[in-house]
Amino acid sequence: MRLTDTNLGVFISKVLKLDPGKRKDYLRQVDYLIERLEKKINEDSSFSVLRFTKTGSLTKGTVLRPRDGCGVDADVAVDLDDRRLPSKER
C-alpha cells in the first residue's frame, strides 16, 4: 500500500497529534503548576527562582496524544538563584 501526503496528514492529525484545544488545557495546567511551585519556593528563603521556562514538545506543539495510561509529558526548566546560600552548599 502506497501512502500519500494526504494519508499521512490524516493519520498524524487523527492518531498521533494532540488536539489543539487539549494542548491549551495542558498548557494551562503547566502554568498552574509553575504558579504553585513559585509560591512554594518563595516560602523558602534559602534560594529564589530566576525564571521558569516551559520547554519540550508540549510547548513546541509537537506533543503526541496520551495513550495506554501514559499522560502528556510537560517539561519545565527552573533557573534558581543560590547566591544567598553559603558557598559550601552551592
N, C-alpha and C. Protein backbone atom coordinates (compact mmCIF):
# COMPACT_ATOMS: atom_id res chain seq x y z
N MET A 1 0.84 -1.18 0.00
CA MET A 1 0.00 0.00 0.00
C MET A 1 0.88 1.24 0.00
N ARG A 2 0.59 2.10 -0.90
CA ARG A 2 1.36 3.34 -1.01
C ARG A 2 0.60 4.45 -0.29
N LEU A 3 1.31 5.19 0.56
CA LEU A 3 0.70 6.28 1.31
C LEU A 3 1.00 7.61 0.65
N THR A 4 0.00 8.44 0.57
CA THR A 4 0.19 9.79 0.02
C THR A 4 0.42 10.76 1.17
N ASP A 5 0.80 11.97 0.84
CA ASP A 5 0.95 13.00 1.86
C ASP A 5 -0.38 13.23 2.58
N THR A 6 -1.47 13.15 1.85
CA THR A 6 -2.79 13.33 2.45
C THR A 6 -3.08 12.22 3.45
N ASN A 7 -2.78 10.96 3.09
CA ASN A 7 -2.96 9.84 4.00
C ASN A 7 -2.16 10.04 5.28
N LEU A 8 -0.91 10.43 5.12
CA LEU A 8 -0.06 10.66 6.29
C LEU A 8 -0.57 11.82 7.14
N GLY A 9 -1.02 12.88 6.49
CA GLY A 9 -1.57 14.03 7.23
C GLY A 9 -2.78 13.66 8.05
N VAL A 10 -3.66 12.85 7.48
CA VAL A 10 -4.85 12.40 8.21
C VAL A 10 -4.45 11.54 9.40
N PHE A 11 -3.51 10.62 9.19
CA PHE A 11 -3.05 9.76 10.27
C PHE A 11 -2.42 10.58 11.39
N ILE A 12 -1.59 11.52 11.03
CA ILE A 12 -0.93 12.37 12.03
C ILE A 12 -1.97 13.15 12.84
N SER A 13 -2.93 13.78 12.16
CA SER A 13 -3.89 14.62 12.86
C SER A 13 -4.91 13.81 13.66
N LYS A 14 -5.27 12.61 13.21
CA LYS A 14 -6.31 11.83 13.90
C LYS A 14 -5.76 10.84 14.91
N VAL A 15 -4.51 10.43 14.75
CA VAL A 15 -3.97 9.38 15.62
C VAL A 15 -2.81 9.88 16.50
N LEU A 16 -1.87 10.59 15.92
CA LEU A 16 -0.66 10.96 16.64
C LEU A 16 -0.75 12.27 17.40
N LYS A 17 -1.16 13.31 16.72
CA LYS A 17 -1.07 14.67 17.26
C LYS A 17 -2.17 14.97 18.27
N LEU A 18 -1.81 15.69 19.29
CA LEU A 18 -2.77 16.13 20.31
C LEU A 18 -3.67 17.21 19.71
N ASP A 19 -4.96 17.17 20.04
CA ASP A 19 -5.88 18.20 19.56
C ASP A 19 -5.46 19.57 20.08
N PRO A 20 -5.57 20.62 19.25
CA PRO A 20 -5.16 21.97 19.68
C PRO A 20 -5.84 22.43 20.97
N GLY A 21 -7.11 22.15 21.13
CA GLY A 21 -7.81 22.54 22.35
C GLY A 21 -7.26 21.85 23.58
N LYS A 22 -6.91 20.59 23.44
CA LYS A 22 -6.32 19.83 24.55
C LYS A 22 -4.95 20.39 24.91
N ARG A 23 -4.20 20.79 23.90
CA ARG A 23 -2.88 21.36 24.15
C ARG A 23 -3.00 22.60 25.03
N LYS A 24 -3.98 23.44 24.74
CA LYS A 24 -4.20 24.64 25.55
C LYS A 24 -4.55 24.27 26.98
N ASP A 25 -5.35 23.21 27.16
CA ASP A 25 -5.69 22.75 28.51
C ASP A 25 -4.44 22.31 29.27
N TYR A 26 -3.58 21.55 28.60
CA TYR A 26 -2.35 21.10 29.25
C TYR A 26 -1.42 22.27 29.57
N LEU A 27 -1.35 23.24 28.67
CA LEU A 27 -0.51 24.42 28.94
C LEU A 27 -1.04 25.21 30.13
N ARG A 28 -2.36 25.28 30.28
CA ARG A 28 -2.93 25.93 31.46
C ARG A 28 -2.55 25.17 32.73
N GLN A 29 -2.54 23.85 32.66
CA GLN A 29 -2.12 23.05 33.81
C GLN A 29 -0.65 23.31 34.16
N VAL A 30 0.18 23.45 33.14
CA VAL A 30 1.60 23.75 33.38
C VAL A 30 1.73 25.13 34.03
N ASP A 31 0.97 26.11 33.55
CA ASP A 31 1.00 27.44 34.16
C ASP A 31 0.60 27.38 35.63
N TYR A 32 -0.42 26.58 35.93
CA TYR A 32 -0.87 26.42 37.32
C TYR A 32 0.23 25.77 38.15
N LEU A 33 0.89 24.75 37.60
CA LEU A 33 2.00 24.10 38.30
C LEU A 33 3.11 25.10 38.59
N ILE A 34 3.45 25.92 37.61
CA ILE A 34 4.51 26.92 37.80
C ILE A 34 4.12 27.90 38.89
N GLU A 35 2.88 28.36 38.90
CA GLU A 35 2.42 29.27 39.97
C GLU A 35 2.59 28.64 41.33
N ARG A 36 2.17 27.38 41.46
CA ARG A 36 2.27 26.68 42.74
C ARG A 36 3.72 26.47 43.16
N LEU A 37 4.57 26.08 42.21
CA LEU A 37 5.99 25.89 42.51
C LEU A 37 6.64 27.19 42.96
N GLU A 38 6.34 28.27 42.23
CA GLU A 38 6.93 29.55 42.57
C GLU A 38 6.51 30.00 43.97
N LYS A 39 5.25 29.81 44.30
CA LYS A 39 4.76 30.17 45.63
C LYS A 39 5.47 29.35 46.70
N LYS A 40 5.59 28.06 46.48
CA LYS A 40 6.23 27.18 47.47
C LYS A 40 7.71 27.51 47.61
N ILE A 41 8.39 27.74 46.50
CA ILE A 41 9.81 28.05 46.55
C ILE A 41 10.04 29.39 47.23
N ASN A 42 9.17 30.37 47.00
CA ASN A 42 9.32 31.68 47.63
C ASN A 42 9.15 31.62 49.14
N GLU A 43 8.49 30.59 49.65
CA GLU A 43 8.35 30.42 51.10
C GLU A 43 9.67 30.00 51.73
N ASP A 44 10.58 29.44 50.97
CA ASP A 44 11.90 29.02 51.45
C ASP A 44 12.88 30.15 51.15
N SER A 45 13.46 30.71 52.18
CA SER A 45 14.30 31.89 51.98
C SER A 45 15.73 31.55 51.55
N SER A 46 16.09 30.29 51.41
CA SER A 46 17.48 29.95 51.08
C SER A 46 17.82 30.17 49.60
N PHE A 47 16.82 30.22 48.74
CA PHE A 47 17.08 30.49 47.33
C PHE A 47 15.82 31.08 46.71
N SER A 48 15.98 31.61 45.52
CA SER A 48 14.82 32.16 44.81
C SER A 48 14.87 31.71 43.35
N VAL A 49 13.77 31.87 42.69
CA VAL A 49 13.65 31.47 41.29
C VAL A 49 14.00 32.65 40.41
N LEU A 50 14.91 32.44 39.47
CA LEU A 50 15.20 33.47 38.49
C LEU A 50 14.14 33.45 37.39
N ARG A 51 13.80 32.23 36.92
CA ARG A 51 12.75 32.11 35.90
C ARG A 51 12.34 30.66 35.73
N PHE A 52 11.14 30.49 35.26
CA PHE A 52 10.62 29.21 34.81
C PHE A 52 10.54 29.27 33.29
N THR A 53 10.88 28.19 32.62
CA THR A 53 10.80 28.14 31.17
C THR A 53 10.07 26.86 30.76
N LYS A 54 8.94 27.04 30.06
CA LYS A 54 8.26 25.87 29.52
C LYS A 54 9.04 25.41 28.30
N THR A 55 9.38 24.13 28.28
CA THR A 55 10.18 23.58 27.18
C THR A 55 9.54 22.29 26.68
N GLY A 56 10.12 21.71 25.68
CA GLY A 56 9.70 20.40 25.21
C GLY A 56 8.60 20.42 24.17
N SER A 57 8.09 19.22 23.90
CA SER A 57 7.15 19.02 22.80
C SER A 57 5.80 19.71 23.04
N LEU A 58 5.35 19.80 24.29
CA LEU A 58 4.09 20.48 24.56
C LEU A 58 4.17 21.94 24.16
N THR A 59 5.26 22.59 24.49
CA THR A 59 5.44 23.99 24.15
C THR A 59 5.62 24.19 22.64
N LYS A 60 6.35 23.28 22.01
CA LYS A 60 6.60 23.39 20.57
C LYS A 60 5.39 23.01 19.72
N GLY A 61 4.42 22.33 20.33
CA GLY A 61 3.25 21.91 19.58
C GLY A 61 3.43 20.58 18.87
N THR A 62 4.45 19.83 19.25
CA THR A 62 4.69 18.53 18.62
C THR A 62 4.37 17.37 19.55
N VAL A 63 3.66 17.65 20.64
CA VAL A 63 3.33 16.62 21.62
C VAL A 63 2.38 15.59 21.02
N LEU A 64 2.57 14.34 21.44
CA LEU A 64 1.73 13.25 20.96
C LEU A 64 0.55 13.04 21.90
N ARG A 65 -0.50 12.44 21.38
CA ARG A 65 -1.67 12.11 22.20
C ARG A 65 -1.28 11.13 23.30
N PRO A 66 -1.88 11.27 24.48
CA PRO A 66 -1.61 10.28 25.52
C PRO A 66 -2.23 8.93 25.14
N ARG A 67 -1.57 7.84 25.48
CA ARG A 67 -2.09 6.51 25.21
C ARG A 67 -1.66 5.53 26.28
N ASP A 68 -2.43 4.49 26.39
CA ASP A 68 -2.10 3.36 27.27
C ASP A 68 -1.77 3.78 28.69
N GLY A 69 -2.52 4.73 29.24
CA GLY A 69 -2.31 5.16 30.62
C GLY A 69 -1.16 6.11 30.82
N CYS A 70 -0.45 6.47 29.78
CA CYS A 70 0.65 7.43 29.88
C CYS A 70 0.12 8.81 29.52
N GLY A 71 0.38 9.77 30.36
CA GLY A 71 -0.09 11.13 30.11
C GLY A 71 0.81 11.90 29.17
N VAL A 72 0.54 13.16 29.09
CA VAL A 72 1.34 14.07 28.25
C VAL A 72 2.55 14.51 29.05
N ASP A 73 3.70 14.52 28.40
CA ASP A 73 4.95 14.95 29.01
C ASP A 73 5.04 16.47 28.94
N ALA A 74 5.17 17.11 30.10
CA ALA A 74 5.31 18.56 30.15
C ALA A 74 6.65 18.89 30.82
N ASP A 75 7.49 19.61 30.13
CA ASP A 75 8.82 19.93 30.64
C ASP A 75 8.87 21.39 31.09
N VAL A 76 9.45 21.59 32.29
CA VAL A 76 9.63 22.94 32.83
C VAL A 76 11.05 23.04 33.35
N ALA A 77 11.80 24.01 32.86
CA ALA A 77 13.14 24.28 33.37
C ALA A 77 13.03 25.36 34.44
N VAL A 78 13.76 25.18 35.53
CA VAL A 78 13.73 26.14 36.63
C VAL A 78 15.15 26.64 36.86
N ASP A 79 15.36 27.94 36.70
CA ASP A 79 16.65 28.56 36.99
C ASP A 79 16.58 29.15 38.39
N LEU A 80 17.44 28.65 39.27
CA LEU A 80 17.44 29.08 40.67
C LEU A 80 18.58 30.03 40.95
N ASP A 81 18.34 30.95 41.86
CA ASP A 81 19.37 31.88 42.33
C ASP A 81 19.80 31.40 43.70
N ASP A 82 21.02 30.89 43.80
CA ASP A 82 21.50 30.35 45.07
C ASP A 82 22.52 31.26 45.75
N ARG A 83 22.56 32.50 45.36
CA ARG A 83 23.58 33.42 45.90
C ARG A 83 23.46 33.61 47.40
N ARG A 84 22.27 33.37 47.97
CA ARG A 84 22.11 33.55 49.42
C ARG A 84 22.58 32.34 50.22
N LEU A 85 22.84 31.22 49.54
CA LEU A 85 23.33 30.03 50.23
C LEU A 85 24.81 30.21 50.56
N PRO A 86 25.26 29.62 51.68
CA PRO A 86 26.70 29.62 51.94
C PRO A 86 27.43 28.91 50.80
N SER A 87 28.64 29.33 50.48
CA SER A 87 29.36 28.81 49.32
C SER A 87 29.56 27.30 49.39
N LYS A 88 29.66 26.70 50.56
CA LYS A 88 29.86 25.25 50.67
C LYS A 88 28.61 24.47 50.25
N GLU A 89 27.43 25.09 50.23
CA GLU A 89 26.19 24.41 49.86
C GLU A 89 25.85 24.59 48.38
N ARG A 90 26.58 25.40 47.66
CA ARG A 90 26.30 25.64 46.24
C ARG A 90 26.81 24.54 45.37
